[in-house]
Structure formats: C-alpha cells, structure tokens
C-alpha atoms as a PDB file:
ATOM      1  CA  MET A   1      44.135 -27.836 188.423  1.00  0.00           C
ATOM      2  CA  THR A   2      45.836 -28.159 191.781  1.00  0.00           C
ATOM      3  CA  PRO A   3      44.997 -26.529 195.129  1.00  0.00           C
ATOM      4  CA  LEU A   4      47.542 -23.868 196.076  1.00  0.00           C
ATOM      5  CA  SER A   5      48.097 -25.672 199.387  1.00  0.00           C
ATOM      6  CA  GLU A   6      49.800 -28.567 197.521  1.00  0.00           C
ATOM      7  CA  LEU A   7      52.552 -26.478 195.875  1.00  0.00           C
ATOM      8  CA  GLN A   8      56.040 -26.557 197.359  1.00  0.00           C
ATOM      9  CA  PRO A   9      58.353 -23.574 197.986  1.00  0.00           C
ATOM     10  CA  GLY A  10      59.776 -22.272 194.731  1.00  0.00           C
ATOM     11  CA  GLN A  11      56.986 -23.717 192.595  1.00  0.00           C
ATOM     12  CA  GLU A  12      55.227 -21.339 190.239  1.00  0.00           C
ATOM     13  CA  GLY A  13      51.659 -21.364 189.052  1.00  0.00           C
ATOM     14  CA  ILE A  14      48.848 -19.352 187.543  1.00  0.00           C
ATOM     15  CA  VAL A  15      45.598 -18.674 189.385  1.00  0.00           C
ATOM     16  CA  ARG A  16      42.748 -20.409 187.557  1.00  0.00           C
ATOM     17  CA  ALA A  17      39.791 -20.276 189.961  1.00  0.00           C
ATOM     18  CA  LEU A  18      38.695 -19.438 193.504  1.00  0.00           C
ATOM     19  CA  ARG A  19      36.192 -21.697 195.244  1.00  0.00           C
ATOM     20  CA  GLY A  20      34.142 -20.137 197.983  1.00  0.00           C
ATOM     21  CA  GLY A  21      31.563 -17.573 198.901  1.00  0.00           C
ATOM     22  CA  HIS A  22      31.327 -14.033 197.616  1.00  0.00           C
ATOM     23  CA  GLY A  23      33.159 -12.548 200.614  1.00  0.00           C
ATOM     24  CA  PHE A  24      36.089 -14.966 200.303  1.00  0.00           C
ATOM     25  CA  VAL A  25      36.414 -14.481 196.544  1.00  0.00           C
ATOM     26  CA  SER A  26      36.199 -10.686 196.873  1.00  0.00           C
ATOM     27  CA  ARG A  27      38.841 -10.560 199.608  1.00  0.00           C
ATOM     28  CA  LEU A  28      41.292 -12.713 197.661  1.00  0.00           C
ATOM     29  CA  ALA A  29      40.657 -10.761 194.452  1.00  0.00           C
ATOM     30  CA  ALA A  30      41.525  -7.571 196.356  1.00  0.00           C
ATOM     31  CA  LEU A  31      44.827  -9.214 197.364  1.00  0.00           C
ATOM     32  CA  GLY A  32      45.642  -9.968 193.714  1.00  0.00           C
ATOM     33  CA  PHE A  33      44.337 -13.531 193.377  1.00  0.00           C
ATOM     34  CA  THR A  34      42.546 -13.121 190.063  1.00  0.00           C
ATOM     35  CA  PRO A  35      42.407 -15.654 187.212  1.00  0.00           C
ATOM     36  CA  GLY A  36      45.566 -15.466 185.118  1.00  0.00           C
ATOM     37  CA  ALA A  37      47.752 -13.976 187.873  1.00  0.00           C
ATOM     38  CA  PRO A  38      51.152 -15.685 188.162  1.00  0.00           C
ATOM     39  CA  LEU A  39      52.437 -16.546 191.634  1.00  0.00           C
ATOM     40  CA  VAL A  40      55.358 -18.235 193.375  1.00  0.00           C
ATOM     41  CA  VAL A  41      55.154 -20.161 196.651  1.00  0.00           C
ATOM     42  CA  VAL A  42      57.633 -18.656 199.119  1.00  0.00           C
ATOM     43  CA  ARG A  43      56.847 -20.804 202.178  1.00  0.00           C
ATOM     44  CA  ASN A  44      54.821 -23.954 202.689  1.00  0.00           C
ATOM     45  CA  ALA A  45      56.218 -25.659 205.760  1.00  0.00           C
ATOM     46  CA  GLY A  46      53.323 -28.062 206.326  1.00  0.00           C
ATOM     47  CA  SER A  47      52.039 -26.088 209.303  1.00  0.00           C
ATOM     48  CA  GLY A  48      51.276 -22.437 209.734  1.00  0.00           C
ATOM     49  CA  PRO A  49      50.447 -20.042 206.932  1.00  0.00           C
ATOM     50  CA  LEU A  50      51.395 -20.508 203.310  1.00  0.00           C
ATOM     51  CA  ILE A  51      53.209 -17.468 201.904  1.00  0.00           C
ATOM     52  CA  VAL A  52      53.065 -16.607 198.221  1.00  0.00           C
ATOM     53  CA  SER A  53      54.477 -13.854 196.072  1.00  0.00           C
ATOM     54  CA  ILE A  54      51.796 -12.453 193.773  1.00  0.00           C
ATOM     55  CA  ARG A  55      51.686  -9.186 191.823  1.00  0.00           C
ATOM     56  CA  GLY A  56      54.789  -7.847 193.584  1.00  0.00           C
ATOM     57  CA  SER A  57      53.509  -8.530 197.121  1.00  0.00           C
ATOM     58  CA  ARG A  58      53.880 -11.326 199.626  1.00  0.00           C
ATOM     59  CA  VAL A  59      50.607 -12.641 200.982  1.00  0.00           C
ATOM     60  CA  ALA A  60      50.064 -15.125 203.816  1.00  0.00           C
ATOM     61  CA  LEU A  61      47.083 -17.464 203.536  1.00  0.00           C
ATOM     62  CA  GLY A  62      45.783 -20.010 205.987  1.00  0.00           C
ATOM     63  CA  ARG A  63      45.852 -23.632 204.843  1.00  0.00           C
ATOM     64  CA  GLY A  64      42.068 -23.729 204.471  1.00  0.00           C
ATOM     65  CA  GLU A  65      42.092 -20.616 202.323  1.00  0.00           C
ATOM     66  CA  ALA A  66      44.941 -21.919 200.172  1.00  0.00           C
ATOM     67  CA  SER A  67      43.058 -25.151 199.509  1.00  0.00           C
ATOM     68  CA  HIS A  68      40.289 -23.110 197.817  1.00  0.00           C
ATOM     69  CA  VAL A  69      42.640 -21.394 195.355  1.00  0.00           C
ATOM     70  CA  LEU A  70      43.022 -23.554 192.243  1.00  0.00           C
ATOM     71  CA  ILE A  71      46.303 -23.260 190.369  1.00  0.00           C
ATOM     72  CA  LEU A  72      47.658 -24.373 187.014  1.00  0.00           C
ATOM     73  CA  LYS A  73      51.242 -25.375 187.799  1.00  0.00           C
ATOM     74  CA  GLY A  74      53.940 -23.641 185.772  1.00  0.00           C
END
C-alpha cells in the first residue's frame, strides 16, 4: 500500500485504509474515502493541496491528510 501523497497526477488507485483518529476517519469517509473506492489524482504539484477525483467529486486534501490515506495503485 502507498500513501496517497506519493501518487502523481493521472495515477489511479483504490482506497485501502485510513490511518488516524475517529474524527479524521469520519470526515474522510463522509467525503467518499471509504475502502474500495476508486480515485484519480488530479493535482499533486509538490506543494499546496493534493486534489483527487473520487465518487464523482473533486476533493482537496492537505499533504498531511493525504499521507494518512493508504492506496492500492491501479
């Protein structure tokens, strides 16, 4: 498994796990980050937020948040 923060723009993956406290996991689950959900990285410029397309929406995550989302690369 790879942290979401390491994927490059255009790369696809499947959410496998979320590492963090209950509040963090609940918030990301509400945004669509649930195990088995496919996603595509839209923007990962090395600084600033990482933008992903998941479940028909675009979501911006901070780098710290993205490092706690574990992905199985597609």
